[in-house]
Protein backbone atom coordinates (compact mmCIF):
# COMPACT_ATOMS: atom_id res chain seq x y z
CA MET A 1 129.13 340.67 93.40
CA THR A 2 130.57 338.46 90.66
CA ALA A 3 128.81 336.89 87.71
CA GLU A 4 128.54 333.62 89.67
CA ILE A 5 128.51 334.36 93.40
CA ARG A 6 125.01 335.78 93.66
CA PRO A 7 123.30 337.15 96.79
CA GLY A 8 120.71 335.05 98.53
CA PRO A 9 117.02 335.91 99.02
CA LEU A 10 116.28 339.48 100.17
CA GLY A 11 119.92 340.49 99.72
CA THR A 12 121.31 337.97 102.19
CA PRO A 13 124.89 336.73 101.62
CA SER A 14 125.47 334.24 98.85
CA PRO A 15 124.65 330.64 99.80
CA ASP A 16 127.79 329.71 97.84
CA TYR A 17 130.08 331.23 100.49
CA ALA A 18 129.81 328.25 102.85
CA ARG A 19 130.74 325.74 100.13
CA ARG A 20 133.65 327.83 98.92
CA ARG A 21 134.94 328.49 102.43
CA GLU A 22 134.93 324.78 103.25
CA HIS A 23 136.05 323.21 99.99
CA ASP A 24 137.40 325.90 97.64
CA PRO A 25 138.64 328.98 99.58
CA MET A 26 140.45 330.43 96.54
CA GLY A 27 138.18 329.05 93.84
CA VAL A 28 137.94 330.82 90.51
CA ALA A 29 134.78 332.74 89.60
CA PRO A 30 133.76 334.82 86.58
CA MET A 31 133.72 338.62 86.98
CA PRO A 32 131.06 340.82 85.30
CA SER A 33 133.64 341.35 82.52
CA GLY A 34 133.71 337.61 81.77
CA ASP A 35 137.28 337.24 83.06
CA HIS A 36 137.90 334.54 85.67
CA VAL A 37 139.91 335.19 88.85
CA PRO A 38 140.41 333.41 92.19
CA VAL A 39 138.09 334.71 94.93
CA ALA A 40 139.26 334.72 98.56
CA VAL A 41 136.38 334.00 100.97
CA ARG A 42 138.06 333.27 104.33
CA TYR A 43 138.51 336.08 106.87
CA GLU A 44 142.24 335.60 107.49
CA ASP A 45 143.01 335.12 103.79
CA VAL A 46 141.17 338.32 102.89
CA ARG A 47 142.98 340.33 105.58
CA LEU A 48 146.36 339.08 104.44
CA LEU A 49 145.62 339.90 100.80
CA LEU A 50 144.47 343.39 101.73
CA ALA A 51 147.43 344.15 104.00
CA SER A 52 150.36 342.48 102.22
CA PRO A 53 152.98 344.70 100.51
CA ALA A 54 152.82 342.09 97.73
CA SER A 55 149.20 343.06 97.00
CA SER A 56 149.12 345.73 94.28
CA ARG A 57 146.25 347.85 93.02
CA ASN A 58 148.02 348.54 89.72
CA LEU A 59 145.84 346.50 87.36
CA ARG A 60 146.68 348.52 84.26
CA LEU A 61 149.27 346.13 82.82
CA PRO A 62 148.33 344.65 79.42
CA GLY A 63 146.35 341.42 79.48
CA LEU A 64 145.29 341.47 83.13
CA PRO A 65 141.74 340.43 84.07
CA ARG A 66 139.20 343.20 84.53
CA PHE A 67 136.28 343.48 86.91
CA VAL A 68 134.06 345.15 84.31
CA ALA A 69 134.49 345.37 80.54
CA GLY A 70 135.67 348.70 79.16
CA ILE A 71 136.52 351.64 81.35
CA GLY A 72 136.14 351.04 85.06
CA ILE A 73 137.38 352.01 88.50
CA ASP A 74 140.74 350.29 87.93
CA ASP A 75 141.85 352.48 85.03
CA ASP A 76 142.79 355.88 86.43
CA PRO A 77 146.40 356.05 87.71
CA ASP A 78 145.59 359.27 89.62
CA SER A 79 142.96 357.54 91.78
CA LEU A 80 143.96 356.91 95.38
CA VAL A 81 142.47 353.40 95.27
CA ASN A 82 144.71 352.47 92.33
CA GLN A 83 148.04 353.57 93.79
CA ASP A 84 150.68 351.60 95.67
CA PRO A 85 153.29 352.91 98.13
CA PRO A 86 155.11 355.24 98.16
CA GLU A 87 152.69 357.27 95.98
CA HIS A 88 149.67 355.94 97.86
CA THR A 89 151.25 356.74 101.26
CA ARG A 90 151.94 360.34 100.24
CA TYR A 91 148.49 360.84 98.68
CA ARG A 92 146.61 359.37 101.64
CA ARG A 93 148.61 361.34 104.20
CA ILE A 94 147.47 364.59 102.58
CA MET A 95 143.81 363.67 102.82
CA GLN A 96 143.43 361.67 106.02
CA GLY A 97 143.29 364.67 108.36
CA ALA A 98 139.95 365.73 106.90
CA PHE A 99 138.31 362.40 107.75
CA THR A 100 139.50 361.56 111.26
CA PRO A 101 136.73 360.56 113.70
CA ARG A 102 137.31 363.82 115.59
CA GLN A 103 136.90 365.91 112.45
CA VAL A 104 133.82 363.97 111.34
CA GLU A 105 132.15 364.46 114.73
CA ARG A 106 131.94 368.17 113.91
CA TRP A 107 129.64 367.27 111.02
CA ARG A 108 127.30 365.00 113.03
CA PRO A 109 124.76 367.70 113.98
CA ARG A 110 124.47 368.80 110.36
CA ILE A 111 124.02 365.21 109.16
CA ALA A 112 121.35 364.59 111.81
CA ASP A 113 119.60 367.79 110.73
CA ILE A 114 119.57 366.72 107.07
CA ALA A 115 118.07 363.34 108.01
CA GLY A 116 115.43 364.94 110.20
CA ARG A 117 114.40 367.52 107.61
CA LEU A 118 114.05 364.84 104.95
CA LEU A 119 111.69 362.87 107.19
CA ASP A 120 109.69 365.99 107.96
CA GLU A 121 108.85 366.21 104.25
CA MET A 122 107.65 362.60 103.91
CA ASP A 123 104.10 361.38 103.38
CA ASP A 124 102.85 358.44 105.43
CA GLU A 125 104.08 356.14 102.63
CA PHE A 126 107.35 356.82 100.82
CA ASP A 127 110.24 355.25 98.92
CA LEU A 128 112.98 354.96 101.51
CA VAL A 129 115.70 354.49 98.86
CA ASN A 130 115.18 357.48 96.59
CA ALA A 131 113.54 359.88 99.04
CA PHE A 132 115.87 359.21 101.99
CA ALA A 133 118.80 356.79 101.63
CA VAL A 134 120.13 358.32 98.41
CA GLN A 135 119.50 361.89 99.52
CA ILE A 136 121.44 361.89 102.80
CA PRO A 137 124.97 361.07 101.56
CA CYS A 138 124.49 363.08 98.38
CA ARG A 139 123.50 366.21 100.30
CA VAL A 140 126.18 365.70 102.94
CA ILE A 141 129.06 365.30 100.51
CA CYS A 142 127.83 368.17 98.36
CA GLU A 143 127.73 370.46 101.39
CA LEU A 144 131.20 369.38 102.50
CA LEU A 145 132.59 370.00 99.03
CA GLY A 146 130.71 373.22 98.41
CA VAL A 147 128.75 371.81 95.48
CA PRO A 148 125.57 373.67 94.41
CA GLY A 149 122.47 371.85 95.63
CA GLU A 150 120.82 371.98 92.22
CA ARG A 151 123.41 369.47 90.96
CA TYR A 152 122.09 366.62 93.18
CA ASP A 153 120.03 365.01 90.44
CA GLN A 154 122.86 365.26 87.92
CA PHE A 155 125.27 363.56 90.31
CA LEU A 156 122.82 360.73 90.82
CA ALA A 157 122.47 360.23 87.06
CA TRP A 158 126.23 360.25 86.48
CA THR A 159 126.87 357.83 89.33
CA ASP A 160 124.18 355.42 88.13
CA MET A 161 125.78 355.42 84.66
CA PHE A 162 129.28 354.83 86.00
CA LEU A 163 128.35 351.99 88.39
CA THR A 164 126.66 349.75 85.84
CA THR A 165 128.44 346.43 85.19
CA SER A 166 126.59 345.55 82.01
CA THR A 167 128.78 345.09 78.93
CA ALA A 168 125.87 346.39 76.86
CA ASP A 169 126.12 349.68 78.77
CA GLU A 170 129.89 350.12 78.37
CA MET A 171 129.56 353.35 76.40
CA VAL A 172 126.99 354.67 78.89
CA ARG A 173 129.46 354.04 81.71
CA TYR A 174 132.24 355.78 79.77
CA ARG A 175 130.04 358.81 79.12
CA GLY A 176 129.05 359.05 82.78
CA TYR A 177 132.70 358.86 83.83
CA THR A 178 133.99 361.49 81.40
CA GLU A 179 131.12 363.94 82.05
CA PHE A 180 131.51 363.55 85.80
CA MET A 181 135.30 364.03 85.68
CA ALA A 182 134.90 367.11 83.50
CA TYR A 183 132.53 368.65 86.03
CA CYS A 184 134.93 367.85 88.89
CA ALA A 185 137.68 369.70 87.01
CA GLU A 186 135.35 372.69 86.62
CA LEU A 187 134.49 372.53 90.31
CA VAL A 188 138.16 372.57 91.31
CA ALA A 189 138.81 375.51 88.97
CA ALA A 190 135.88 377.45 90.47
CA HIS A 191 137.15 376.91 94.01
CA ARG A 192 140.66 377.89 92.96
CA ALA A 193 139.37 381.13 91.45
CA ASP A 194 137.11 381.94 94.42
CA PRO A 195 138.44 380.17 97.54
CA GLY A 196 136.27 379.48 100.57
CA HIS A 197 136.42 377.04 103.48
CA ASP A 198 135.01 373.86 101.98
CA LEU A 199 136.80 370.54 101.74
CA ILE A 200 137.81 371.24 98.14
CA ASP A 201 139.47 374.47 99.25
CA LEU A 202 141.50 372.53 101.82
CA LEU A 203 142.58 370.05 99.14
CA VAL A 204 143.48 372.85 96.70
CA ALA A 205 145.60 374.51 99.38
CA ALA A 206 147.35 371.27 100.19
CA ARG A 207 148.28 370.83 96.53
CA ASP A 208 149.29 374.43 95.86
CA GLU A 209 151.17 375.16 99.04
CA GLY A 210 152.87 371.86 99.65
CA ASP A 211 153.51 370.54 96.14
CA ARG A 212 151.81 367.31 97.13
CA LEU A 213 148.62 366.69 95.15
CA THR A 214 148.94 366.80 91.38
CA GLU A 215 146.11 368.37 89.40
CA GLY A 216 144.97 364.93 88.26
CA GLU A 217 144.98 363.63 91.83
CA LEU A 218 143.03 366.65 93.02
CA VAL A 219 140.31 366.26 90.40
CA ASN A 220 140.14 362.49 90.98
CA THR A 221 139.86 363.02 94.73
CA VAL A 222 136.78 365.19 94.24
CA PHE A 223 135.33 362.57 91.87
CA SER A 224 136.02 359.74 94.33
CA LEU A 225 134.56 361.60 97.30
CA ILE A 226 131.32 362.30 95.47
CA THR A 227 131.01 358.82 93.97
CA ALA A 228 132.06 356.75 96.99
CA GLY A 229 130.45 359.16 99.42
CA HIS A 230 127.11 358.81 97.68
CA GLU A 231 126.27 355.36 96.37
CA THR A 232 128.02 353.09 98.87
CA THR A 233 126.57 354.90 101.87
CA ALA A 234 123.14 355.12 100.26
CA SER A 235 123.18 351.36 99.71
CA MET A 236 124.11 350.73 103.34
CA ILE A 237 121.27 352.93 104.61
CA ALA A 238 118.77 351.18 102.33
CA LYS A 239 119.97 347.65 103.11
CA GLY A 240 120.43 348.40 106.80
CA VAL A 241 116.88 349.69 107.24
CA LEU A 242 115.50 346.74 105.28
CA ARG A 243 117.46 344.30 107.44
CA LEU A 244 116.09 345.92 110.59
CA LEU A 245 112.52 345.93 109.30
CA LEU A 246 112.88 342.23 108.49
CA HIS A 247 113.83 341.76 112.17
CA PRO A 248 110.95 343.57 113.94
CA ALA A 249 112.26 342.78 117.43
CA ALA A 250 115.55 344.50 116.62
CA TRP A 251 113.72 347.52 115.19
CA ALA A 252 111.52 347.77 118.29
CA GLU A 253 114.55 347.53 120.54
CA LEU A 254 116.27 350.40 118.72
CA ALA A 255 113.09 352.48 118.85
CA ALA A 256 112.97 351.91 122.62
CA ASP A 257 116.70 352.57 123.08
CA PRO A 258 118.28 354.60 120.22
CA ASP A 259 121.63 354.51 122.05
CA LEU A 260 121.99 350.97 120.65
CA THR A 261 122.18 352.41 117.13
CA PRO A 262 126.01 352.55 116.84
CA ALA A 263 126.29 348.84 117.71
CA ALA A 264 123.49 348.01 115.29
CA VAL A 265 125.31 349.93 112.56
CA GLU A 266 128.41 347.77 113.02
CA GLU A 267 126.30 344.63 112.59
CA ILE A 268 124.65 346.12 109.50
CA LEU A 269 128.10 346.81 108.05
CA ARG A 270 129.22 343.25 108.82
CA TYR A 271 126.06 341.58 107.60
CA ASP A 272 125.39 343.54 104.42
CA GLY A 273 128.69 345.33 103.81
CA PRO A 274 129.62 347.96 101.18
CA PRO A 275 130.67 346.67 97.72
CA ALA A 276 134.41 347.26 98.10
CA SER A 277 135.07 343.70 96.87
CA ALA A 278 135.14 345.19 93.37
CA PHE A 279 138.76 346.17 94.09
CA MET A 280 140.86 343.27 92.83
CA ARG A 281 144.55 342.85 93.68
CA ARG A 282 147.58 341.80 91.61
CA ILE A 283 150.01 339.68 93.64
CA THR A 284 153.63 340.72 93.02
CA ARG A 285 155.41 337.82 94.75
CA ASP A 286 154.46 334.30 95.77
CA LEU A 287 152.26 334.14 98.87
CA ASP A 288 151.05 331.33 101.12
CA LEU A 289 147.66 332.19 102.61
CA PRO A 290 146.49 331.15 106.11
CA SER A 291 144.07 328.70 104.47
CA GLY A 292 147.07 326.92 102.97
CA CYS A 293 146.33 328.09 99.44
CA PRO A 294 149.38 329.31 97.49
CA VAL A 295 149.10 332.39 95.27
CA THR A 296 151.79 332.81 92.63
CA ALA A 297 153.25 336.15 91.59
CA GLY A 298 151.29 337.80 88.79
CA THR A 299 147.92 336.35 89.84
CA VAL A 300 144.99 338.77 90.05
CA VAL A 301 142.67 337.89 92.94
CA LEU A 302 139.41 339.21 94.37
CA PRO A 303 139.28 339.47 98.19
CA ASP A 304 135.56 339.09 98.98
CA LEU A 305 134.88 341.33 101.98
CA LEU A 306 131.30 340.16 102.54
CA ALA A 307 132.40 336.53 102.53
CA ALA A 308 135.08 337.33 105.10
CA ASN A 309 132.48 339.02 107.31
CA HIS A 310 130.45 335.79 107.26
CA ASP A 311 133.32 333.45 108.14
CA PRO A 312 132.22 331.47 111.23
CA ASP A 313 135.86 331.25 112.36
CA ALA A 314 135.78 335.03 112.82
CA PHE A 315 132.09 335.62 113.66
CA PRO A 316 130.19 332.82 115.41
CA ASP A 317 126.79 332.11 113.89
CA PRO A 318 127.41 334.64 111.10
CA ALA A 319 124.05 334.10 109.40
CA THR A 320 122.26 335.51 112.45
CA PHE A 321 121.65 339.26 112.35
CA ASP A 322 122.42 340.34 115.92
CA ILE A 323 122.44 344.05 116.79
CA HIS A 324 124.22 343.23 120.07
CA ARG A 325 127.17 341.48 118.41
CA PHE A 326 129.37 344.60 118.64
CA ALA A 327 127.89 345.98 121.89
CA GLY A 328 129.90 345.92 125.08
CA HIS A 329 132.73 343.75 123.78
CA THR A 330 135.15 343.64 120.90
CA PRO A 331 134.86 340.66 118.54
CA ASN A 332 137.01 340.40 115.45
CA PRO A 333 136.73 343.68 113.52
CA HIS A 334 134.66 343.40 110.37
CA VAL A 335 136.28 344.32 107.06
CA ALA A 336 133.32 346.16 105.51
CA PHE A 337 135.60 349.16 104.98
CA GLY A 338 138.54 347.05 103.90
CA TYR A 339 141.76 346.50 105.79
CA GLY A 340 145.36 347.61 105.56
CA PRO A 341 146.70 350.56 103.54
CA HIS A 342 143.58 350.90 101.38
CA ARG A 343 141.05 350.83 104.21
CA CYS A 344 138.27 353.28 103.34
CA LEU A 345 139.51 356.81 104.04
CA ALA A 346 136.00 358.11 104.78
CA ALA A 347 134.90 355.21 107.03
CA ALA A 348 134.23 357.55 109.96
CA LEU A 349 131.97 359.74 107.81
CA ALA A 350 130.04 356.73 106.48
CA ARG A 351 129.51 355.47 110.04
CA VAL A 352 128.11 358.81 111.18
CA GLU A 353 125.80 359.07 108.17
CA LEU A 354 124.46 355.54 108.64
CA THR A 355 124.07 356.02 112.39
CA GLU A 356 122.22 359.33 112.13
CA ALA A 357 119.99 358.07 109.30
CA ILE A 358 118.84 355.07 111.35
CA ARG A 359 118.61 357.06 114.58
CA ALA A 360 116.32 359.57 112.84
CA LEU A 361 114.07 356.80 111.56
CA VAL A 362 113.72 354.86 114.82
CA THR A 363 113.08 358.01 116.86
CA ARG A 364 110.76 359.88 114.48
CA LEU A 365 109.04 356.89 112.87
CA PRO A 366 109.17 354.07 115.45
CA GLY A 367 106.21 352.33 113.80
CA LEU A 368 107.84 352.18 110.36
CA ARG A 369 107.19 348.98 108.38
CA LEU A 370 107.33 347.68 104.84
CA ALA A 371 104.41 348.82 102.70
CA ALA A 372 104.50 345.67 100.54
CA PRO A 373 105.79 342.10 100.91
CA ALA A 374 109.58 341.94 101.02
CA GLU A 375 109.57 339.36 98.23
CA GLU A 376 108.26 342.03 95.84
CA ILE A 377 111.31 344.30 96.30
CA SER A 378 113.33 344.79 93.11
CA TRP A 379 117.13 344.86 93.44
CA THR A 380 119.79 346.68 91.42
CA ASN A 381 122.35 344.58 89.57
CA GLY A 382 125.33 346.93 89.09
CA LEU A 383 128.47 347.24 91.21
CA VAL A 384 126.14 347.95 94.11
CA HIS A 385 123.44 345.42 95.03
CA ARG A 386 120.64 347.18 96.88
CA PRO A 387 116.87 347.66 96.66
CA GLY A 388 115.95 349.80 93.69
CA ARG A 389 112.87 351.00 95.58
CA LEU A 390 111.80 350.28 99.13
CA MET A 391 108.26 351.41 99.89
CA VAL A 392 107.67 351.88 103.61
CA THR A 393 104.82 353.30 105.65
CA SER A 394 104.56 354.95 109.02
CA ALA A 395 100.75 354.91 109.01
CA THR A 396 98.96 352.83 111.60
CA ARG A 397 96.90 349.93 110.35
């Protein structure tokens, strides 16, 4: 979300996408920082910018545009998302084995159990965001990393501070970042002193035995897993359930046939998409994009993933929410998790979490509905655009 390209009603994609795609596919837009950068909105342009070796995530050179003012996700050179090959290739190779679809499938029963137990504790009316959507990924990633359960609330507070885009809250964001990183360093030290079999222990072993992860990379990996594994997935659960409840026929169909859930999840990811568009790119050599737009070396651009997922050249009738779009055939793959070298490492985990969250809801609470008019929902305005609260009810009328 930029300072100009705003979502439509009820979190629908920006109405400005169609105009930009047709008349200004690399038009400049202001970022939350106030800096202006070209924004790519066409599917093929976005894929090229994400995959090209000329597309760098090193945005730490003096004078470059920033996505947010002050400290932000672009600043840490030890972060996987900020590295280019060959460092990025080495770093990612160490970690990718822990997040393969086969490995993640081992966690599915535990994720389903967490979702089911949360619903068992609900009253007839509850806030789906804070009582369910936020809790699932937070509890899952904390269990995988061996984090004490009593730290859930602290993680949520730190993440909320770090993900604000407001310039007025720059110092709040900095404090959240430094406190969170300090705790991650403590967590790594505790696992090093008393090893177990959690994901952190595997990462520590990879660094110590193979001379591959530096200490800074190790700490940043833990930070990234907690942050990305919490808020982005929570937002997709919240927005995905809202989108389904706004399409009662789709919800009823899933309740009648939960095996359709994986296909519905792919459409949720395409339609509402995680906020990975915050990751700008610096172009290191002149490029000609499929749209015909030239990009000169040194330009910082923003590939807009949600805009790409609503390009009618890639997805016919993209404004229609269709839970059968990805069922039984293979259309163009959506780019909700990115594309190319920086494609989301934990995409398989996010898919399982979203699938099991929605499966639990449609099977246990098939009569779920909004408890208030959708127009009354308040939305967050940070890096992640999602309902702040989403009151739902399972009670019969």
